[in-house]
């Protein structure tokens, strides 16, 4: 592969560019003592951006954005030792249809504004996720017509709470009341 390199005291230092055999740019990054350190860019062989952000000892480290369009994921936020740590991960069914928008903390989905989408592009779920599980307020929508199906709380991925609302396929209120582990208990009202 071709490279444009700078040597200082027999070590690679400074802004350097690496190229694929095809001649397209592979990396444009700052080297310190021969290691990618500081701000830089990495490209797919087709020329699209793969990563833009900070490096430390040849690994993504610090603030950056990673693009993996071959598998449909992007991540923007903080990297530690090459791994996404805290930020927003967006997954795609295709280059234009989102699959999910998730907030990561310590590499695990945690946050209040997480979203999952159906393959048709309609919103499936929006709400709180703690340690990878729905836990807290959230909403779910119908796959085909987009009507609200559930508005309430969750615990360990199950519908749970005092003032939950379940809706029918037609979007009309079906049940309003308490749920535990997804089942009605205590006081509640059924609507026909």
C-alpha atoms as a PDB file:
ATOM      1  CA  UNK A   1       0.000   0.000   0.000  1.00  0.00           C
ATOM      2  CA  UNK A   2       1.045   3.554  -0.699  1.00  0.00           C
ATOM      3  CA  UNK A   3       1.629   5.934   2.195  1.00  0.00           C
ATOM      4  CA  UNK A   4       2.621   9.534   2.787  1.00  0.00           C
ATOM      5  CA  UNK A   5       4.694   9.500   5.964  1.00  0.00           C
ATOM      6  CA  UNK A   6       6.800  11.831   8.069  1.00  0.00           C
ATOM      7  CA  UNK A   7       9.734  10.554  10.129  1.00  0.00           C
ATOM      8  CA  UNK A   8      11.057  12.306  13.246  1.00  0.00           C
ATOM      9  CA  UNK A   9      13.953  10.632  15.065  1.00  0.00           C
ATOM     10  CA  UNK A  10      13.386   7.455  12.983  1.00  0.00           C
ATOM     11  CA  UNK A  11       9.740   7.225  14.125  1.00  0.00           C
ATOM     12  CA  UNK A  12       6.602   8.042  12.193  1.00  0.00           C
ATOM     13  CA  UNK A  13       5.125  11.322  13.428  1.00  0.00           C
ATOM     14  CA  UNK A  14       2.700  13.928  12.191  1.00  0.00           C
ATOM     15  CA  UNK A  15      -0.275  13.817   9.849  1.00  0.00           C
ATOM     16  CA  UNK A  16       0.000  10.723   7.668  1.00  0.00           C
ATOM     17  CA  UNK A  17      -2.112   9.218   4.928  1.00  0.00           C
ATOM     18  CA  UNK A  18      -2.352   5.512   4.100  1.00  0.00           C
ATOM     19  CA  UNK A  19      -3.855   4.178   0.872  1.00  0.00           C
ATOM     20  CA  UNK A  20      -5.475   0.939  -0.312  1.00  0.00           C
ATOM     21  CA  UNK A  21      -3.848  -0.955  -3.215  1.00  0.00           C
ATOM     22  CA  UNK A  22      -6.509   0.669  -5.435  1.00  0.00           C
ATOM     23  CA  UNK A  23      -5.090   4.105  -4.639  1.00  0.00           C
ATOM     24  CA  UNK A  24      -8.092   5.205  -2.556  1.00  0.00           C
ATOM     25  CA  UNK A  25      -7.374   6.699   0.846  1.00  0.00           C
ATOM     26  CA  UNK A  26      -7.602   4.287   3.795  1.00  0.00           C
ATOM     27  CA  UNK A  27      -6.484   6.505   6.724  1.00  0.00           C
ATOM     28  CA  UNK A  28      -5.703  10.138   7.321  1.00  0.00           C
ATOM     29  CA  UNK A  29      -4.479  10.307  10.887  1.00  0.00           C
ATOM     30  CA  UNK A  30      -2.002  11.851  13.268  1.00  0.00           C
ATOM     31  CA  UNK A  31       0.859   9.548  14.277  1.00  0.00           C
ATOM     32  CA  UNK A  32       2.855   9.928  17.480  1.00  0.00           C
ATOM     33  CA  UNK A  33       5.826   7.580  17.792  1.00  0.00           C
ATOM     34  CA  UNK A  34       4.349   5.420  15.035  1.00  0.00           C
ATOM     35  CA  UNK A  35       0.914   5.016  16.677  1.00  0.00           C
ATOM     36  CA  UNK A  36      -2.374   6.553  15.532  1.00  0.00           C
ATOM     37  CA  UNK A  37      -3.002   9.154  18.233  1.00  0.00           C
ATOM     38  CA  UNK A  38      -5.144  12.278  18.048  1.00  0.00           C
ATOM     39  CA  UNK A  39      -7.716  13.249  15.427  1.00  0.00           C
ATOM     40  CA  UNK A  40      -8.067  11.270  12.212  1.00  0.00           C
ATOM     41  CA  UNK A  41     -10.281   9.642   9.592  1.00  0.00           C
ATOM     42  CA  UNK A  42     -10.655   6.077   8.348  1.00  0.00           C
ATOM     43  CA  UNK A  43     -12.348   5.195   5.048  1.00  0.00           C
ATOM     44  CA  UNK A  44     -13.947   2.096   3.499  1.00  0.00           C
ATOM     45  CA  UNK A  45     -12.278   0.913   0.317  1.00  0.00           C
ATOM     46  CA  UNK A  46     -15.154   2.388  -1.694  1.00  0.00           C
ATOM     47  CA  UNK A  47     -14.255   5.838  -0.359  1.00  0.00           C
ATOM     48  CA  UNK A  48     -17.053   6.397   2.163  1.00  0.00           C
ATOM     49  CA  UNK A  49     -16.186   7.449   5.708  1.00  0.00           C
ATOM     50  CA  UNK A  50     -15.797   4.626   8.259  1.00  0.00           C
ATOM     51  CA  UNK A  51     -14.630   6.611  11.313  1.00  0.00           C
ATOM     52  CA  UNK A  52     -13.925  10.226  12.140  1.00  0.00           C
ATOM     53  CA  UNK A  53     -12.639  11.216  15.542  1.00  0.00           C
ATOM     54  CA  UNK A  54      -9.899  10.667  18.072  1.00  0.00           C
ATOM     55  CA  UNK A  55      -7.441   7.783  18.345  1.00  0.00           C
ATOM     56  CA  UNK A  56      -5.080   6.588  21.032  1.00  0.00           C
ATOM     57  CA  UNK A  57      -2.429   3.915  20.417  1.00  0.00           C
ATOM     58  CA  UNK A  58      -4.073   2.754  17.139  1.00  0.00           C
ATOM     59  CA  UNK A  59      -7.576   2.433  18.698  1.00  0.00           C
ATOM     60  CA  UNK A  60     -10.650   4.654  18.542  1.00  0.00           C
ATOM     61  CA  UNK A  61     -10.464   6.568  21.812  1.00  0.00           C
ATOM     62  CA  UNK A  62     -12.314   9.752  22.799  1.00  0.00           C
ATOM     63  CA  UNK A  63     -15.040  11.522  20.831  1.00  0.00           C
ATOM     64  CA  UNK A  64     -15.825  10.146  17.391  1.00  0.00           C
ATOM     65  CA  UNK A  65     -18.345   8.828  14.884  1.00  0.00           C
ATOM     66  CA  UNK A  66     -18.239   5.320  13.445  1.00  0.00           C
ATOM     67  CA  UNK A  67     -20.131   4.396  10.275  1.00  0.00           C
ATOM     68  CA  UNK A  68     -20.729   0.751   9.383  1.00  0.00           C
ATOM     69  CA  UNK A  69     -23.119   0.956   6.454  1.00  0.00           C
ATOM     70  CA  UNK A  70     -22.346  -2.599   5.359  1.00  0.00           C
ATOM     71  CA  UNK A  71     -24.095  -3.790   8.537  1.00  0.00           C
ATOM     72  CA  UNK A  72     -26.246  -0.671   8.994  1.00  0.00           C
ATOM     73  CA  UNK A  73     -24.958   0.868  12.245  1.00  0.00           C
ATOM     74  CA  UNK A  74     -23.635   4.288  13.175  1.00  0.00           C
ATOM     75  CA  UNK A  75     -22.354   5.405  16.552  1.00  0.00           C
ATOM     76  CA  UNK A  76     -21.541   8.921  17.703  1.00  0.00           C
ATOM     77  CA  UNK A  77     -20.077   9.550  21.123  1.00  0.00           C
ATOM     78  CA  UNK A  78     -17.207   8.431  23.306  1.00  0.00           C
ATOM     79  CA  UNK A  79     -14.976   5.462  22.518  1.00  0.00           C
ATOM     80  CA  UNK A  80     -12.694   3.765  25.031  1.00  0.00           C
ATOM     81  CA  UNK A  81      -9.962   1.419  23.791  1.00  0.00           C
ATOM     82  CA  UNK A  82     -11.685   0.915  20.439  1.00  0.00           C
ATOM     83  CA  UNK A  83     -15.192   0.209  21.794  1.00  0.00           C
ATOM     84  CA  UNK A  84     -18.286   2.444  21.861  1.00  0.00           C
ATOM     85  CA  UNK A  85     -18.756   3.577  25.459  1.00  0.00           C
ATOM     86  CA  UNK A  86     -21.256   6.435  25.781  1.00  0.00           C
ATOM     87  CA  UNK A  87     -23.288   8.044  23.010  1.00  0.00           C
ATOM     88  CA  UNK A  88     -26.018   7.323  20.473  1.00  0.00           C
ATOM     89  CA  UNK A  89     -26.074   4.214  18.290  1.00  0.00           C
ATOM     90  CA  UNK A  90     -28.369   4.226  15.258  1.00  0.00           C
ATOM     91  CA  UNK A  91     -29.073   0.998  13.366  1.00  0.00           C
ATOM     92  CA  UNK A  92     -30.588   0.851   9.886  1.00  0.00           C
ATOM     93  CA  UNK A  93     -32.629  -1.696   7.906  1.00  0.00           C
ATOM     94  CA  UNK A  94     -31.315   0.089   4.800  1.00  0.00           C
ATOM     95  CA  UNK A  95     -29.348   3.276   4.205  1.00  0.00           C
ATOM     96  CA  UNK A  96     -32.516   5.353   4.754  1.00  0.00           C
ATOM     97  CA  UNK A  97     -34.778   3.295   7.059  1.00  0.00           C
ATOM     98  CA  UNK A  98     -33.843   3.403  10.738  1.00  0.00           C
ATOM     99  CA  UNK A  99     -34.057   0.267  12.868  1.00  0.00           C
ATOM    100  CA  UNK A 100     -33.218   1.868  16.212  1.00  0.00           C
ATOM    101  CA  UNK A 101     -31.770   4.906  17.972  1.00  0.00           C
ATOM    102  CA  UNK A 102     -30.236   3.844  21.275  1.00  0.00           C
ATOM    103  CA  UNK A 103     -28.350   5.652  24.027  1.00  0.00           C
ATOM    104  CA  UNK A 104     -25.321   3.728  25.278  1.00  0.00           C
ATOM    105  CA  UNK A 105     -23.629   4.113  28.664  1.00  0.00           C
ATOM    106  CA  UNK A 106     -20.604   1.935  29.387  1.00  0.00           C
ATOM    107  CA  UNK A 107     -21.413   0.063  26.155  1.00  0.00           C
ATOM    108  CA  UNK A 108     -24.918  -0.965  27.342  1.00  0.00           C
ATOM    109  CA  UNK A 109     -28.239   0.518  26.211  1.00  0.00           C
ATOM    110  CA  UNK A 110     -29.318   2.970  28.929  1.00  0.00           C
ATOM    111  CA  UNK A 111     -31.352   6.121  28.562  1.00  0.00           C
ATOM    112  CA  UNK A 112     -34.664   7.864  28.288  1.00  0.00           C
ATOM    113  CA  UNK A 113     -35.196   8.479  24.577  1.00  0.00           C
ATOM    114  CA  UNK A 114     -34.543   5.101  22.962  1.00  0.00           C
ATOM    115  CA  UNK A 115     -36.437   4.205  19.799  1.00  0.00           C
ATOM    116  CA  UNK A 116     -37.071   1.026  17.790  1.00  0.00           C
ATOM    117  CA  UNK A 117     -38.614   1.068  14.309  1.00  0.00           C
ATOM    118  CA  UNK A 118     -40.470  -1.513  12.199  1.00  0.00           C
ATOM    119  CA  UNK A 119     -38.974  -2.407   8.769  1.00  0.00           C
ATOM    120  CA  UNK A 120     -41.718  -0.252   7.179  1.00  0.00           C
ATOM    121  CA  UNK A 121     -40.157   2.790   8.906  1.00  0.00           C
ATOM    122  CA  UNK A 122     -42.932   3.294  11.476  1.00  0.00           C
ATOM    123  CA  UNK A 123     -42.048   3.780  15.131  1.00  0.00           C
ATOM    124  CA  UNK A 124     -42.370   0.565  17.179  1.00  0.00           C
ATOM    125  CA  UNK A 125     -41.190   1.616  20.659  1.00  0.00           C
ATOM    126  CA  UNK A 126     -40.037   4.778  22.378  1.00  0.00           C
ATOM    127  CA  UNK A 127     -39.027   4.939  26.007  1.00  0.00           C
ATOM    128  CA  UNK A 128     -36.631   4.226  28.828  1.00  0.00           C
ATOM    129  CA  UNK A 129     -34.177   1.339  28.651  1.00  0.00           C
ATOM    130  CA  UNK A 130     -32.000   0.408  31.638  1.00  0.00           C
ATOM    131  CA  UNK A 131     -29.198  -2.151  31.285  1.00  0.00           C
ATOM    132  CA  UNK A 132     -30.596  -3.258  27.924  1.00  0.00           C
ATOM    133  CA  UNK A 133     -34.206  -3.849  29.103  1.00  0.00           C
ATOM    134  CA  UNK A 134     -37.323  -1.672  28.846  1.00  0.00           C
ATOM    135  CA  UNK A 135     -37.719  -0.271  32.340  1.00  0.00           C
ATOM    136  CA  UNK A 136     -39.736   2.892  32.987  1.00  0.00           C
ATOM    137  CA  UNK A 137     -42.176   4.911  30.872  1.00  0.00           C
ATOM    138  CA  UNK A 138     -42.633   3.900  27.261  1.00  0.00           C
ATOM    139  CA  UNK A 139     -44.970   3.569  24.303  1.00  0.00           C
ATOM    140  CA  UNK A 140     -45.534   0.942  21.604  1.00  0.00           C
ATOM    141  CA  UNK A 141     -47.200   1.332  18.208  1.00  0.00           C
ATOM    142  CA  UNK A 142     -48.988  -1.011  15.791  1.00  0.00           C
ATOM    143  CA  UNK A 143     -46.790  -2.302  12.962  1.00  0.00           C
ATOM    144  CA  UNK A 144     -49.227  -1.835  10.090  1.00  0.00           C
ATOM    145  CA  UNK A 145     -51.378   1.196  10.868  1.00  0.00           C
ATOM    146  CA  UNK A 146     -49.103   3.102  13.274  1.00  0.00           C
ATOM    147  CA  UNK A 147     -51.820   3.405  15.970  1.00  0.00           C
ATOM    148  CA  UNK A 148     -50.665   3.649  19.585  1.00  0.00           C
ATOM    149  CA  UNK A 149     -50.953   0.175  21.187  1.00  0.00           C
ATOM    150  CA  UNK A 150     -49.563   0.776  24.682  1.00  0.00           C
ATOM    151  CA  UNK A 151     -48.766   3.776  26.855  1.00  0.00           C
ATOM    152  CA  UNK A 152     -47.406   3.050  30.319  1.00  0.00           C
ATOM    153  CA  UNK A 153     -44.536   1.596  32.273  1.00  0.00           C
ATOM    154  CA  UNK A 154     -42.185  -1.341  31.846  1.00  0.00           C
ATOM    155  CA  UNK A 155     -40.118  -3.483  34.145  1.00  0.00           C
ATOM    156  CA  UNK A 156     -37.618  -6.049  32.787  1.00  0.00           C
ATOM    157  CA  UNK A 157     -39.088  -5.715  29.270  1.00  0.00           C
ATOM    158  CA  UNK A 158     -42.655  -6.421  30.478  1.00  0.00           C
ATOM    159  CA  UNK A 159     -45.560  -3.957  30.547  1.00  0.00           C
ATOM    160  CA  UNK A 160     -46.062  -2.890  34.152  1.00  0.00           C
ATOM    161  CA  UNK A 161     -47.533   0.049  36.055  1.00  0.00           C
ATOM    162  CA  UNK A 162     -50.597   1.600  37.712  1.00  0.00           C
ATOM    163  CA  UNK A 163     -51.987   3.856  34.983  1.00  0.00           C
ATOM    164  CA  UNK A 164     -51.259   1.850  31.860  1.00  0.00           C
ATOM    165  CA  UNK A 165     -53.300   2.113  28.681  1.00  0.00           C
ATOM    166  CA  UNK A 166     -53.700  -0.651  26.090  1.00  0.00           C
ATOM    167  CA  UNK A 167     -55.270   0.132  22.735  1.00  0.00           C
ATOM    168  CA  UNK A 168     -56.861  -2.092  20.105  1.00  0.00           C
ATOM    169  CA  UNK A 169     -55.770  -2.393  16.478  1.00  0.00           C
ATOM    170  CA  UNK A 170     -58.219   0.387  15.657  1.00  0.00           C
ATOM    171  CA  UNK A 171     -56.459   2.792  18.036  1.00  0.00           C
ATOM    172  CA  UNK A 172     -59.336   2.870  20.566  1.00  0.00           C
ATOM    173  CA  UNK A 173     -58.718   2.417  24.293  1.00  0.00           C
ATOM    174  CA  UNK A 174     -59.141  -1.240  25.307  1.00  0.00           C
ATOM    175  CA  UNK A 175     -57.830  -1.326  28.898  1.00  0.00           C
ATOM    176  CA  UNK A 176     -56.869   1.342  31.428  1.00  0.00           C
ATOM    177  CA  UNK A 177     -55.456   0.191  34.745  1.00  0.00           C
ATOM    178  CA  UNK A 178     -52.753  -1.696  36.567  1.00  0.00           C
ATOM    179  CA  UNK A 179     -50.484  -4.289  34.947  1.00  0.00           C
ATOM    180  CA  UNK A 180     -47.885  -6.532  36.540  1.00  0.00           C
ATOM    181  CA  UNK A 181     -45.650  -8.616  34.268  1.00  0.00           C
ATOM    182  CA  UNK A 182     -47.924  -7.707  31.348  1.00  0.00           C
ATOM    183  CA  UNK A 183     -51.151  -8.945  33.025  1.00  0.00           C
ATOM    184  CA  UNK A 184     -54.058  -6.897  34.422  1.00  0.00           C
ATOM    185  CA  UNK A 185     -54.268  -6.924  38.236  1.00  0.00           C
ATOM    186  CA  UNK A 186     -56.072  -4.815  40.798  1.00  0.00           C
ATOM    187  CA  UNK A 187     -58.220  -1.925  39.599  1.00  0.00           C
ATOM    188  CA  UNK A 188     -58.716  -1.456  35.875  1.00  0.00           C
ATOM    189  CA  UNK A 189     -61.331  -0.774  33.200  1.00  0.00           C
ATOM    190  CA  UNK A 190     -61.997  -2.758  30.045  1.00  0.00           C
ATOM    191  CA  UNK A 191     -63.494  -0.936  27.061  1.00  0.00           C
ATOM    192  CA  UNK A 192     -65.495  -2.628  24.292  1.00  0.00           C
END
